[in-house]
């Protein structure tokens, strides 16, 4: 799926999504990542959604997230209770959805000027 060009001032934009990877600024990445309009953490640990722990969320909070998106791969899977507790504790809005939906939502929120931070899993 290709996305339409956006004229937002963001440094990093999602320009495409495939089951095998996500295109950031027209370059395909095949590993999990953390992305905000101005920051890009490549090869984010964990590499699989099943390995996600509450400690992995530190990346989100260091980027001063206004809203957090977690893309869980091809299927929507809610995180374990420890991860949910940590997300709720920080009083920052969050959504858990498929990675494809998270990519679309990221672009919409970014175009509105929101400081959205997305953790995106390929697997």
PDB file of N, CA and C in Angstrom:
ATOM      1  N   UNK A   1       0.834  -1.163   0.000  1.00  0.00           N
ATOM      2  CA  UNK A   1       0.000   0.000   0.000  1.00  0.00           C
ATOM      3  C   UNK A   1       0.886   1.235   0.000  1.00  0.00           C
ATOM      4  N   UNK A   2       0.650   2.161  -0.869  1.00  0.00           N
ATOM      5  CA  UNK A   2       1.376   3.426  -0.921  1.00  0.00           C
ATOM      6  C   UNK A   2       0.544   4.504  -0.241  1.00  0.00           C
ATOM      7  N   UNK A   3       1.218   5.469   0.359  1.00  0.00           N
ATOM      8  CA  UNK A   3       0.548   6.581   0.987  1.00  0.00           C
ATOM      9  C   UNK A   3       0.761   7.829   0.149  1.00  0.00           C
ATOM     10  N   UNK A   4      -0.182   8.754   0.221  1.00  0.00           N
ATOM     11  CA  UNK A   4      -0.074  10.011  -0.528  1.00  0.00           C
ATOM     12  C   UNK A   4       0.987  10.899   0.120  1.00  0.00           C
ATOM     13  N   UNK A   5       1.574  11.749  -0.680  1.00  0.00           N
ATOM     14  CA  UNK A   5       2.601  12.662  -0.185  1.00  0.00           C
ATOM     15  C   UNK A   5       2.002  13.659   0.785  1.00  0.00           C
ATOM     16  N   UNK A   6       2.746  13.964   1.828  1.00  0.00           N
ATOM     17  CA  UNK A   6       2.311  14.892   2.861  1.00  0.00           C
ATOM     18  C   UNK A   6       3.295  16.060   2.878  1.00  0.00           C
ATOM     19  N   UNK A   7       2.799  17.264   3.072  1.00  0.00           N
ATOM     20  CA  UNK A   7       3.659  18.443   3.078  1.00  0.00           C
ATOM     21  C   UNK A   7       3.959  18.932   4.492  1.00  0.00           C
ATOM     22  N   UNK A   8       3.816  18.078   5.463  1.00  0.00           N
ATOM     23  CA  UNK A   8       4.104  18.367   6.852  1.00  0.00           C
ATOM     24  C   UNK A   8       5.610  18.579   7.013  1.00  0.00           C
ATOM     25  N   UNK A   9       6.018  19.314   8.037  1.00  0.00           N
ATOM     26  CA  UNK A   9       7.432  19.616   8.287  1.00  0.00           C
ATOM     27  C   UNK A   9       8.172  18.496   9.018  1.00  0.00           C
ATOM     28  N   UNK A  10       7.531  17.398   9.251  1.00  0.00           N
ATOM     29  CA  UNK A  10       8.150  16.294   9.982  1.00  0.00           C
ATOM     30  C   UNK A  10       9.383  15.779   9.250  1.00  0.00           C
ATOM     31  N   UNK A  11      10.358  15.342  10.006  1.00  0.00           N
ATOM     32  CA  UNK A  11      11.585  14.782   9.446  1.00  0.00           C
ATOM     33  C   UNK A  11      11.368  13.350   8.966  1.00  0.00           C
ATOM     34  N   UNK A  12      10.487  12.605   9.657  1.00  0.00           N
ATOM     35  CA  UNK A  12      10.243  11.203   9.325  1.00  0.00           C
ATOM     36  C   UNK A  12       8.764  10.990   9.043  1.00  0.00           C
ATOM     37  N   UNK A  13       8.492  10.369   7.901  1.00  0.00           N
ATOM     38  CA  UNK A  13       7.121  10.097   7.482  1.00  0.00           C
ATOM     39  C   UNK A  13       7.007   8.658   7.005  1.00  0.00           C
ATOM     40  N   UNK A  14       5.870   8.057   7.283  1.00  0.00           N
ATOM     41  CA  UNK A  14       5.609   6.724   6.767  1.00  0.00           C
ATOM     42  C   UNK A  14       5.100   6.889   5.342  1.00  0.00           C
ATOM     43  N   UNK A  15       5.826   6.315   4.410  1.00  0.00           N
ATOM     44  CA  UNK A  15       5.465   6.467   2.996  1.00  0.00           C
ATOM     45  C   UNK A  15       4.917   5.188   2.389  1.00  0.00           C
ATOM     46  N   UNK A  16       4.913   4.092   3.147  1.00  0.00           N
ATOM     47  CA  UNK A  16       4.344   2.852   2.635  1.00  0.00           C
ATOM     48  C   UNK A  16       4.364   1.765   3.682  1.00  0.00           C
ATOM     49  N   UNK A  17       3.501   0.786   3.472  1.00  0.00           N
ATOM     50  CA  UNK A  17       3.438  -0.360   4.367  1.00  0.00           C
ATOM     51  C   UNK A  17       3.241  -1.619   3.538  1.00  0.00           C
ATOM     52  N   UNK A  18       3.989  -2.650   3.881  1.00  0.00           N
ATOM     53  CA  UNK A  18       3.830  -3.986   3.303  1.00  0.00           C
ATOM     54  C   UNK A  18       3.926  -4.963   4.460  1.00  0.00           C
ATOM     55  N   UNK A  19       3.475  -6.172   4.269  1.00  0.00           N
ATOM     56  CA  UNK A  19       3.556  -7.180   5.326  1.00  0.00           C
ATOM     57  C   UNK A  19       5.002  -7.468   5.723  1.00  0.00           C
ATOM     58  N   UNK A  20       5.954  -7.170   4.848  1.00  0.00           N
ATOM     59  CA  UNK A  20       7.364  -7.451   5.125  1.00  0.00           C
ATOM     60  C   UNK A  20       8.131  -6.250   5.656  1.00  0.00           C
ATOM     61  N   UNK A  21       7.522  -5.061   5.687  1.00  0.00           N
ATOM     62  CA  UNK A  21       8.241  -3.901   6.174  1.00  0.00           C
ATOM     63  C   UNK A  21       7.459  -2.606   6.031  1.00  0.00           C
ATOM     64  N   UNK A  22       8.057  -1.557   6.557  1.00  0.00           N
ATOM     65  CA  UNK A  22       7.473  -0.219   6.546  1.00  0.00           C
ATOM     66  C   UNK A  22       8.453   0.713   5.857  1.00  0.00           C
ATOM     67  N   UNK A  23       7.946   1.529   4.957  1.00  0.00           N
ATOM     68  CA  UNK A  23       8.793   2.514   4.279  1.00  0.00           C
ATOM     69  C   UNK A  23       8.740   3.830   5.049  1.00  0.00           C
ATOM     70  N   UNK A  24       9.911   4.276   5.441  1.00  0.00           N
ATOM     71  CA  UNK A  24      10.070   5.577   6.091  1.00  0.00           C
ATOM     72  C   UNK A  24      10.851   6.434   5.120  1.00  0.00           C
ATOM     73  N   UNK A  25      10.281   7.562   4.729  1.00  0.00           N
ATOM     74  CA  UNK A  25      10.908   8.452   3.743  1.00  0.00           C
ATOM     75  C   UNK A  25      11.345   7.675   2.501  1.00  0.00           C
ATOM     76  N   UNK A  26      10.472   6.779   2.052  1.00  0.00           N
ATOM     77  CA  UNK A  26      10.664   5.974   0.835  1.00  0.00           C
ATOM     78  C   UNK A  26      11.757   4.921   0.925  1.00  0.00           C
ATOM     79  N   UNK A  27      12.212   4.591   2.123  1.00  0.00           N
ATOM     80  CA  UNK A  27      13.193   3.526   2.301  1.00  0.00           C
ATOM     81  C   UNK A  27      12.559   2.432   3.161  1.00  0.00           C
ATOM     82  N   UNK A  28      12.616   1.181   2.689  1.00  0.00           N
ATOM     83  CA  UNK A  28      11.973   0.065   3.367  1.00  0.00           C
ATOM     84  C   UNK A  28      12.814  -0.425   4.548  1.00  0.00           C
ATOM     85  N   UNK A  29      12.144  -0.590   5.701  1.00  0.00           N
ATOM     86  CA  UNK A  29      12.763  -1.133   6.904  1.00  0.00           C
ATOM     87  C   UNK A  29      11.983  -2.377   7.298  1.00  0.00           C
ATOM     88  N   UNK A  30      12.714  -3.436   7.648  1.00  0.00           N
ATOM     89  CA  UNK A  30      12.091  -4.733   7.906  1.00  0.00           C
ATOM     90  C   UNK A  30      12.204  -5.179   9.358  1.00  0.00           C
ATOM     91  N   UNK A  31      12.448  -4.255  10.272  1.00  0.00           N
ATOM     92  CA  UNK A  31      12.587  -4.564  11.687  1.00  0.00           C
ATOM     93  C   UNK A  31      11.690  -3.647  12.498  1.00  0.00           C
ATOM     94  N   UNK A  32      11.416  -4.029  13.730  1.00  0.00           N
ATOM     95  CA  UNK A  32      10.594  -3.180  14.586  1.00  0.00           C
ATOM     96  C   UNK A  32      11.284  -1.833  14.789  1.00  0.00           C
ATOM     97  N   UNK A  33      10.471  -0.822  15.075  1.00  0.00           N
ATOM     98  CA  UNK A  33      10.987   0.546  15.166  1.00  0.00           C
ATOM     99  C   UNK A  33      10.127   1.374  16.094  1.00  0.00           C
ATOM    100  N   UNK A  34      10.693   2.488  16.542  1.00  0.00           N
ATOM    101  CA  UNK A  34       9.948   3.528  17.237  1.00  0.00           C
ATOM    102  C   UNK A  34      10.086   4.773  16.374  1.00  0.00           C
ATOM    103  N   UNK A  35       8.955   5.415  16.132  1.00  0.00           N
ATOM    104  CA  UNK A  35       8.936   6.532  15.197  1.00  0.00           C
ATOM    105  C   UNK A  35       8.121   7.675  15.755  1.00  0.00           C
ATOM    106  N   UNK A  36       8.652   8.881  15.652  1.00  0.00           N
ATOM    107  CA  UNK A  36       7.903  10.100  15.911  1.00  0.00           C
ATOM    108  C   UNK A  36       8.154  11.003  14.709  1.00  0.00           C
ATOM    109  N   UNK A  37       7.444  12.099  14.591  1.00  0.00           N
ATOM    110  CA  UNK A  37       7.691  12.971  13.433  1.00  0.00           C
ATOM    111  C   UNK A  37       9.139  13.465  13.323  1.00  0.00           C
ATOM    112  N   UNK A  38       9.840  13.544  14.447  1.00  0.00           N
ATOM    113  CA  UNK A  38      11.197  14.086  14.421  1.00  0.00           C
ATOM    114  C   UNK A  38      12.289  13.095  14.823  1.00  0.00           C
ATOM    115  N   UNK A  39      11.928  11.903  15.259  1.00  0.00           N
ATOM    116  CA  UNK A  39      12.901  10.910  15.718  1.00  0.00           C
ATOM    117  C   UNK A  39      12.576   9.536  15.123  1.00  0.00           C
ATOM    118  N   UNK A  40      13.627   8.767  14.870  1.00  0.00           N
ATOM    119  CA  UNK A  40      13.470   7.441  14.298  1.00  0.00           C
ATOM    120  C   UNK A  40      14.463   6.500  14.967  1.00  0.00           C
ATOM    121  N   UNK A  41      13.949   5.533  15.726  1.00  0.00           N
ATOM    122  CA  UNK A  41      14.778   4.531  16.386  1.00  0.00           C
ATOM    123  C   UNK A  41      14.645   3.247  15.580  1.00  0.00           C
ATOM    124  N   UNK A  42      15.672   2.929  14.812  1.00  0.00           N
ATOM    125  CA  UNK A  42      15.674   1.729  13.986  1.00  0.00           C
ATOM    126  C   UNK A  42      16.039   0.515  14.835  1.00  0.00           C
ATOM    127  N   UNK A  43      15.585  -0.644  14.399  1.00  0.00           N
ATOM    128  CA  UNK A  43      15.909  -1.906  15.073  1.00  0.00           C
ATOM    129  C   UNK A  43      15.655  -1.845  16.571  1.00  0.00           C
ATOM    130  N   UNK A  44      14.493  -1.330  16.925  1.00  0.00           N
ATOM    131  CA  UNK A  44      14.071  -1.243  18.323  1.00  0.00           C
ATOM    132  C   UNK A  44      13.978  -2.633  18.919  1.00  0.00           C
ATOM    133  N   UNK A  45      14.530  -2.792  20.099  1.00  0.00           N
ATOM    134  CA  UNK A  45      14.328  -4.041  20.837  1.00  0.00           C
ATOM    135  C   UNK A  45      13.058  -3.843  21.625  1.00  0.00           C
ATOM    136  N   UNK A  46      12.150  -4.727  21.517  1.00  0.00           N
ATOM    137  CA  UNK A  46      12.186  -6.080  21.007  1.00  0.00           C
ATOM    138  C   UNK A  46      11.904  -6.142  19.513  1.00  0.00           C
ATOM    139  N   UNK A  47      12.304  -7.217  18.888  1.00  0.00           N
ATOM    140  CA  UNK A  47      12.051  -7.384  17.456  1.00  0.00           C
ATOM    141  C   UNK A  47      10.712  -8.054  17.176  1.00  0.00           C
ATOM    142  N   UNK A  48      10.157  -8.749  18.149  1.00  0.00           N
ATOM    143  CA  UNK A  48       8.842  -9.365  17.970  1.00  0.00           C
ATOM    144  C   UNK A  48       7.902  -8.836  19.040  1.00  0.00           C
ATOM    145  N   UNK A  49       6.644  -8.729  18.684  1.00  0.00           N
ATOM    146  CA  UNK A  49       5.652  -8.197  19.610  1.00  0.00           C
ATOM    147  C   UNK A  49       5.540  -9.053  20.867  1.00  0.00           C
ATOM    148  N   UNK A  50       5.680 -10.347  20.726  1.00  0.00           N
ATOM    149  CA  UNK A  50       5.566 -11.240  21.882  1.00  0.00           C
ATOM    150  C   UNK A  50       6.666 -10.990  22.921  1.00  0.00           C
ATOM    151  N   UNK A  51       7.740 -10.308  22.543  1.00  0.00           N
ATOM    152  CA  UNK A  51       8.847 -10.019  23.453  1.00  0.00           C
ATOM    153  C   UNK A  51       8.714  -8.665  24.152  1.00  0.00           C
ATOM    154  N   UNK A  52       7.669  -7.906  23.836  1.00  0.00           N
ATOM    155  CA  UNK A  52       7.487  -6.560  24.403  1.00  0.00           C
ATOM    156  C   UNK A  52       7.286  -6.619  25.915  1.00  0.00           C
ATOM    157  N   UNK A  53       8.068  -5.814  26.642  1.00  0.00           N
ATOM    158  CA  UNK A  53       7.916  -5.680  28.096  1.00  0.00           C
ATOM    159  C   UNK A  53       7.706  -4.204  28.433  1.00  0.00           C
ATOM    160  N   UNK A  54       7.312  -3.938  29.653  1.00  0.00           N
ATOM    161  CA  UNK A  54       7.100  -2.564  30.095  1.00  0.00           C
ATOM    162  C   UNK A  54       8.378  -1.725  29.979  1.00  0.00           C
ATOM    163  N   UNK A  55       9.533  -2.335  30.190  1.00  0.00           N
ATOM    164  CA  UNK A  55      10.801  -1.595  30.096  1.00  0.00           C
ATOM    165  C   UNK A  55      11.068  -1.083  28.684  1.00  0.00           C
ATOM    166  N   UNK A  56      10.548  -1.752  27.664  1.00  0.00           N
ATOM    167  CA  UNK A  56      10.755  -1.302  26.292  1.00  0.00           C
ATOM    168  C   UNK A  56      10.026   0.009  25.994  1.00  0.00           C
ATOM    169  N   UNK A  57       9.104   0.395  26.856  1.00  0.00           N
ATOM    170  CA  UNK A  57       8.338   1.621  26.627  1.00  0.00           C
ATOM    171  C   UNK A  57       9.132   2.891  26.933  1.00  0.00           C
ATOM    172  N   UNK A  58      10.300   2.754  27.554  1.00  0.00           N
ATOM    173  CA  UNK A  58      11.111   3.929  27.871  1.00  0.00           C
ATOM    174  C   UNK A  58      11.370   4.794  26.642  1.00  0.00           C
ATOM    175  N   UNK A  59      11.549   4.174  25.498  1.00  0.00           N
ATOM    176  CA  UNK A  59      11.788   4.918  24.252  1.00  0.00           C
ATOM    177  C   UNK A  59      10.664   5.922  23.982  1.00  0.00           C
ATOM    178  N   UNK A  60       9.421   5.533  24.257  1.00  0.00           N
ATOM    179  CA  UNK A  60       8.272   6.409  24.010  1.00  0.00           C
ATOM    180  C   UNK A  60       8.325   7.652  24.879  1.00  0.00           C
ATOM    181  N   UNK A  61       8.628   7.449  26.153  1.00  0.00           N
ATOM    182  CA  UNK A  61       8.600   8.555  27.105  1.00  0.00           C
ATOM    183  C   UNK A  61       9.784   9.489  26.921  1.00  0.00           C
ATOM    184  N   UNK A  62      10.893   8.993  26.422  1.00  0.00           N
ATOM    185  CA  UNK A  62      12.034   9.856  26.131  1.00  0.00           C
ATOM    186  C   UNK A  62      11.742  10.803  24.972  1.00  0.00           C
ATOM    187  N   UNK A  63      10.769  10.453  24.138  1.00  0.00           N
ATOM    188  CA  UNK A  63      10.413  11.282  22.983  1.00  0.00           C
ATOM    189  C   UNK A  63       9.240  12.216  23.282  1.00  0.00           C
ATOM    190  N   UNK A  64       8.874  12.342  24.558  1.00  0.00           N
ATOM    191  CA  UNK A  64       7.826  13.262  24.998  1.00  0.00           C
ATOM    192  C   UNK A  64       6.525  13.045  24.224  1.00  0.00           C
ATOM    193  N   UNK A  65       6.092  11.800  24.192  1.00  0.00           N
ATOM    194  CA  UNK A  65       4.902  11.418  23.433  1.00  0.00           C
ATOM    195  C   UNK A  65       3.649  12.112  23.944  1.00  0.00           C
ATOM    196  N   UNK A  66       2.855  12.594  23.024  1.00  0.00           N
ATOM    197  CA  UNK A  66       1.522  13.120  23.332  1.00  0.00           C
ATOM    198  C   UNK A  66       0.498  11.992  23.236  1.00  0.00           C
ATOM    199  N   UNK A  67       0.712  11.104  22.298  1.00  0.00           N
ATOM    200  CA  UNK A  67      -0.108   9.911  22.137  1.00  0.00           C
ATOM    201  C   UNK A  67       0.797   8.787  21.638  1.00  0.00           C
ATOM    202  N   UNK A  68       0.531   7.573  22.090  1.00  0.00           N
ATOM    203  CA  UNK A  68       1.356   6.415  21.742  1.00  0.00           C
ATOM    204  C   UNK A  68       0.520   5.433  20.928  1.00  0.00           C
ATOM    205  N   UNK A  69       1.102   4.975  19.839  1.00  0.00           N
ATOM    206  CA  UNK A  69       0.487   3.922  19.034  1.00  0.00           C
ATOM    207  C   UNK A  69       1.391   2.702  19.087  1.00  0.00           C
ATOM    208  N   UNK A  70       0.793   1.540  19.229  1.00  0.00           N
ATOM    209  CA  UNK A  70       1.557   0.307  19.163  1.00  0.00           C
ATOM    210  C   UNK A  70       0.954  -0.532  18.044  1.00  0.00           C
ATOM    211  N   UNK A  71       1.759  -0.771  17.012  1.00  0.00           N
ATOM    212  CA  UNK A  71       1.355  -1.614  15.890  1.00  0.00           C
ATOM    213  C   UNK A  71       1.842  -3.026  16.141  1.00  0.00           C
ATOM    214  N   UNK A  72       0.911  -3.963  16.252  1.00  0.00           N
ATOM    215  CA  UNK A  72       1.226  -5.313  16.725  1.00  0.00           C
ATOM    216  C   UNK A  72       1.502  -6.325  15.614  1.00  0.00           C
ATOM    217  N   UNK A  73       1.629  -5.887  14.395  1.00  0.00           N
ATOM    218  CA  UNK A  73       1.836  -6.807  13.276  1.00  0.00           C
ATOM    219  C   UNK A  73       0.562  -6.935  12.465  1.00  0.00           C
ATOM    220  N   UNK A  74       0.342  -8.103  11.873  1.00  0.00           N
ATOM    221  CA  UNK A  74      -0.831  -8.298  11.018  1.00  0.00           C
ATOM    222  C   UNK A  74      -2.127  -8.435  11.796  1.00  0.00           C
ATOM    223  N   UNK A  75      -2.045  -8.812  13.072  1.00  0.00           N
ATOM    224  CA  UNK A  75      -3.239  -8.971  13.905  1.00  0.00           C
ATOM    225  C   UNK A  75      -3.146  -8.068  15.121  1.00  0.00           C
ATOM    226  N   UNK A  76      -4.288  -7.557  15.565  1.00  0.00           N
ATOM    227  CA  UNK A  76      -4.330  -6.760  16.786  1.00  0.00           C
ATOM    228  C   UNK A  76      -4.263  -7.704  17.981  1.00  0.00           C
ATOM    229  N   UNK A  77      -3.250  -7.499  18.815  1.00  0.00           N
ATOM    230  CA  UNK A  77      -3.052  -8.310  20.008  1.00  0.00           C
ATOM    231  C   UNK A  77      -2.756  -7.352  21.155  1.00  0.00           C
ATOM    232  N   UNK A  78      -3.506  -7.458  22.222  1.00  0.00           N
ATOM    233  CA  UNK A  78      -3.255  -6.551  23.337  1.00  0.00           C
ATOM    234  C   UNK A  78      -2.052  -7.012  24.146  1.00  0.00           C
ATOM    235  N   UNK A  79      -1.280  -6.053  24.660  1.00  0.00           N
ATOM    236  CA  UNK A  79      -0.068  -6.399  25.403  1.00  0.00           C
ATOM    237  C   UNK A  79      -0.393  -7.038  26.749  1.00  0.00           C
ATOM    238  N   UNK A  80       0.651  -7.579  27.358  1.00  0.00           N
ATOM    239  CA  UNK A  80       0.472  -8.211  28.668  1.00  0.00           C
ATOM    240  C   UNK A  80       0.104  -7.150  29.711  1.00  0.00           C
ATOM    241  N   UNK A  81      -0.434  -7.559  30.851  1.00  0.00           N
ATOM    242  CA  UNK A  81      -0.898  -6.613  31.867  1.00  0.00           C
ATOM    243  C   UNK A  81       0.170  -5.633  32.358  1.00  0.00           C
ATOM    244  N   UNK A  82       1.431  -6.059  32.452  1.00  0.00           N
ATOM    245  CA  UNK A  82       2.497  -5.144  32.895  1.00  0.00           C
ATOM    246  C   UNK A  82       2.673  -3.982  31.926  1.00  0.00           C
ATOM    247  N   UNK A  83       2.611  -4.267  30.636  1.00  0.00           N
ATOM    248  CA  UNK A  83       2.743  -3.219  29.618  1.00  0.00           C
ATOM    249  C   UNK A  83       1.542  -2.274  29.690  1.00  0.00           C
ATOM    250  N   UNK A  84       0.344  -2.823  29.808  1.00  0.00           N
ATOM    251  CA  UNK A  84      -0.860  -1.986  29.905  1.00  0.00           C
ATOM    252  C   UNK A  84      -0.825  -1.092  31.144  1.00  0.00           C
ATOM    253  N   UNK A  85      -0.374  -1.653  32.272  1.00  0.00           N
ATOM    254  CA  UNK A  85      -0.271  -0.847  33.505  1.00  0.00           C
ATOM    255  C   UNK A  85       0.692   0.317  33.318  1.00  0.00           C
ATOM    256  N   UNK A  86       1.835   0.040  32.686  1.00  0.00           N
ATOM    257  CA  UNK A  86       2.830   1.109  32.467  1.00  0.00           C
ATOM    258  C   UNK A  86       2.259   2.187  31.547  1.00  0.00           C
ATOM    259  N   UNK A  87       1.566   1.794  30.498  1.00  0.00           N
ATOM    260  CA  UNK A  87       0.961   2.775  29.597  1.00  0.00           C
ATOM    261  C   UNK A  87      -0.070   3.627  30.334  1.00  0.00           C
ATOM    262  N   UNK A  88      -0.913   2.998  31.125  1.00  0.00           N
ATOM    263  CA  UNK A  88      -1.950   3.729  31.859  1.00  0.00           C
ATOM    264  C   UNK A  88      -1.350   4.631  32.935  1.00  0.00           C
ATOM    265  N   UNK A  89      -0.283   4.187  33.572  1.00  0.00           N
ATOM    266  CA  UNK A  89       0.366   4.934  34.659  1.00  0.00           C
ATOM    267  C   UNK A  89       0.890   6.287  34.187  1.00  0.00           C
ATOM    268  N   UNK A  90       1.350   6.357  32.965  1.00  0.00           N
ATOM    269  CA  UNK A  90       1.971   7.580  32.455  1.00  0.00           C
ATOM    270  C   UNK A  90       0.952   8.647  32.042  1.00  0.00           C
ATOM    271  N   UNK A  91      -0.328   8.310  32.033  1.00  0.00           N
ATOM    272  CA  UNK A  91      -1.403   9.267  31.689  1.00  0.00           C
ATOM    273  C   UNK A  91      -1.217   9.882  30.309  1.00  0.00           C
ATOM    274  N   UNK A  92      -0.778   9.070  29.375  1.00  0.00           N
ATOM    275  CA  UNK A  92      -0.641   9.476  27.980  1.00  0.00           C
ATOM    276  C   UNK A  92      -1.570   8.584  27.179  1.00  0.00           C
ATOM    277  N   UNK A  93      -2.337   9.173  26.269  1.00  0.00           N
ATOM    278  CA  UNK A  93      -3.237   8.375  25.454  1.00  0.00           C
ATOM    279  C   UNK A  93      -2.479   7.345  24.649  1.00  0.00           C
ATOM    280  N   UNK A  94      -3.068   6.160  24.501  1.00  0.00           N
ATOM    281  CA  UNK A  94      -2.414   5.120  23.710  1.00  0.00           C
ATOM    282  C   UNK A  94      -3.464   4.284  22.999  1.00  0.00           C
ATOM    283  N   UNK A  95      -3.050   3.694  21.896  1.00  0.00           N
ATOM    284  CA  UNK A  95      -3.893   2.781  21.121  1.00  0.00           C
ATOM    285  C   UNK A  95      -3.044   1.595  20.699  1.00  0.00           C
ATOM    286  N   UNK A  96      -3.643   0.420  20.721  1.00  0.00           N
ATOM    287  CA  UNK A  96      -3.002  -0.803  20.256  1.00  0.00           C
ATOM    288  C   UNK A  96      -3.807  -1.284  19.059  1.00  0.00           C
ATOM    289  N   UNK A  97      -3.133  -1.487  17.931  1.00  0.00           N
ATOM    290  CA  UNK A  97      -3.823  -1.844  16.682  1.00  0.00           C
ATOM    291  C   UNK A  97      -2.883  -2.600  15.765  1.00  0.00           C
ATOM    292  N   UNK A  98      -3.388  -3.057  14.631  1.00  0.00           N
ATOM    293  CA  UNK A  98      -2.495  -3.690  13.660  1.00  0.00           C
ATOM    294  C   UNK A  98      -1.464  -2.664  13.209  1.00  0.00           C
ATOM    295  N   UNK A  99      -0.355  -3.141  12.703  1.00  0.00           N
ATOM    296  CA  UNK A  99       0.688  -2.219  12.246  1.00  0.00           C
ATOM    297  C   UNK A  99       0.203  -1.387  11.061  1.00  0.00           C
ATOM    298  N   UNK A 100      -0.554  -1.982  10.170  1.00  0.00           N
ATOM    299  CA  UNK A 100      -1.076  -1.221   9.035  1.00  0.00           C
ATOM    300  C   UNK A 100      -1.961  -0.072   9.527  1.00  0.00           C
ATOM    301  N   UNK A 101      -2.852  -0.334  10.471  1.00  0.00           N
ATOM    302  CA  UNK A 101      -3.711   0.712  11.022  1.00  0.00           C
ATOM    303  C   UNK A 101      -2.883   1.761  11.774  1.00  0.00           C
ATOM    304  N   UNK A 102      -1.853   1.320  12.484  1.00  0.00           N
ATOM    305  CA  UNK A 102      -0.990   2.252  13.211  1.00  0.00           C
ATOM    306  C   UNK A 102      -0.251   3.185  12.253  1.00  0.00           C
ATOM    307  N   UNK A 103       0.167   2.669  11.102  1.00  0.00           N
ATOM    308  CA  UNK A 103       0.840   3.510  10.102  1.00  0.00           C
ATOM    309  C   UNK A 103      -0.103   4.601   9.592  1.00  0.00           C
ATOM    310  N   UNK A 104      -1.332   4.224   9.271  1.00  0.00           N
ATOM    311  CA  UNK A 104      -2.314   5.213   8.800  1.00  0.00           C
ATOM    312  C   UNK A 104      -2.612   6.246   9.886  1.00  0.00           C
ATOM    313  N   UNK A 105      -2.816   5.763  11.109  1.00  0.00           N
ATOM    314  CA  UNK A 105      -3.142   6.659  12.224  1.00  0.00           C
ATOM    315  C   UNK A 105      -1.978   7.591  12.523  1.00  0.00           C
ATOM    316  N   UNK A 106      -0.761   7.074  12.472  1.00  0.00           N
ATOM    317  CA  UNK A 106       0.433   7.905  12.680  1.00  0.00           C
ATOM    318  C   UNK A 106       0.430   9.073  11.703  1.00  0.00           C
ATOM    319  N   UNK A 107       0.220   8.789  10.428  1.00  0.00           N
ATOM    320  CA  UNK A 107       0.253   9.852   9.426  1.00  0.00           C
ATOM    321  C   UNK A 107      -0.841  10.883   9.652  1.00  0.00           C
ATOM    322  N   UNK A 108      -2.019  10.448  10.051  1.00  0.00           N
ATOM    323  CA  UNK A 108      -3.112  11.389  10.309  1.00  0.00           C
ATOM    324  C   UNK A 108      -2.775  12.289  11.486  1.00  0.00           C
ATOM    325  N   UNK A 109      -2.358  11.693  12.598  1.00  0.00           N
ATOM    326  CA  UNK A 109      -2.032  12.491  13.783  1.00  0.00           C
ATOM    327  C   UNK A 109      -0.846  13.409  13.539  1.00  0.00           C
ATOM    328  N   UNK A 110       0.156  12.916  12.823  1.00  0.00           N
ATOM    329  CA  UNK A 110       1.319  13.737  12.498  1.00  0.00           C
ATOM    330  C   UNK A 110       0.897  14.941  11.657  1.00  0.00           C
ATOM    331  N   UNK A 111      -0.005  14.724  10.691  1.00  0.00           N
ATOM    332  CA  UNK A 111      -0.434  15.828   9.826  1.00  0.00           C
ATOM    333  C   UNK A 111      -1.214  16.885  10.600  1.00  0.00           C
ATOM    334  N   UNK A 112      -1.758  16.506  11.754  1.00  0.00           N
ATOM    335  CA  UNK A 112      -2.457  17.448  12.630  1.00  0.00           C
ATOM    336  C   UNK A 112      -1.491  18.173  13.559  1.00  0.00           C
ATOM    337  N   UNK A 113      -0.198  17.868  13.453  1.00  0.00           N
ATOM    338  CA  UNK A 113       0.802  18.516  14.290  1.00  0.00           C
ATOM    339  C   UNK A 113       0.947  17.897  15.670  1.00  0.00           C
ATOM    340  N   UNK A 114       0.423  16.697  15.879  1.00  0.00           N
ATOM    341  CA  UNK A 114       0.504  16.030  17.176  1.00  0.00           C
ATOM    342  C   UNK A 114       1.852  15.320  17.305  1.00  0.00           C
ATOM    343  N   UNK A 115       2.380  15.260  18.528  1.00  0.00           N
ATOM    344  CA  UNK A 115       3.624  14.526  18.760  1.00  0.00           C
ATOM    345  C   UNK A 115       3.279  13.075  19.060  1.00  0.00           C
ATOM    346  N   UNK A 116       2.977  12.356  18.002  1.00  0.00           N
ATOM    347  CA  UNK A 116       2.627  10.954  18.096  1.00  0.00           C
ATOM    348  C   UNK A 116       3.899  10.125  18.044  1.00  0.00           C
ATOM    349  N   UNK A 117       3.955   9.092  18.874  1.00  0.00           N
ATOM    350  CA  UNK A 117       5.091   8.174  18.872  1.00  0.00           C
ATOM    351  C   UNK A 117       4.526   6.771  18.642  1.00  0.00           C
ATOM    352  N   UNK A 118       5.078   6.070  17.664  1.00  0.00           N
ATOM    353  CA  UNK A 118       4.593   4.745  17.316  1.00  0.00           C
ATOM    354  C   UNK A 118       5.677   3.699  17.481  1.00  0.00           C
ATOM    355  N   UNK A 119       5.325   2.620  18.133  1.00  0.00           N
ATOM    356  CA  UNK A 119       6.157   1.422  18.185  1.00  0.00           C
ATOM    357  C   UNK A 119       5.559   0.455  17.190  1.00  0.00           C
ATOM    358  N   UNK A 120       6.298   0.139  16.146  1.00  0.00           N
ATOM    359  CA  UNK A 120       5.758  -0.640  15.025  1.00  0.00           C
ATOM    360  C   UNK A 120       6.500  -1.957  14.884  1.00  0.00           C
ATOM    361  N   UNK A 121       5.730  -3.043  14.929  1.00  0.00           N
ATOM    362  CA  UNK A 121       6.278  -4.378  14.783  1.00  0.00           C
ATOM    363  C   UNK A 121       5.931  -4.930  13.419  1.00  0.00           C
ATOM    364  N   UNK A 122       6.865  -5.590  12.784  1.00  0.00           N
ATOM    365  CA  UNK A 122       6.628  -6.289  11.541  1.00  0.00           C
ATOM    366  C   UNK A 122       6.120  -7.699  11.849  1.00  0.00           C
ATOM    367  N   UNK A 123       6.678  -8.320  12.900  1.00  0.00           N
ATOM    368  CA  UNK A 123       6.266  -9.669  13.292  1.00  0.00           C
ATOM    369  C   UNK A 123       5.828  -9.682  14.742  1.00  0.00           C
TER     370      UNK A 123
END
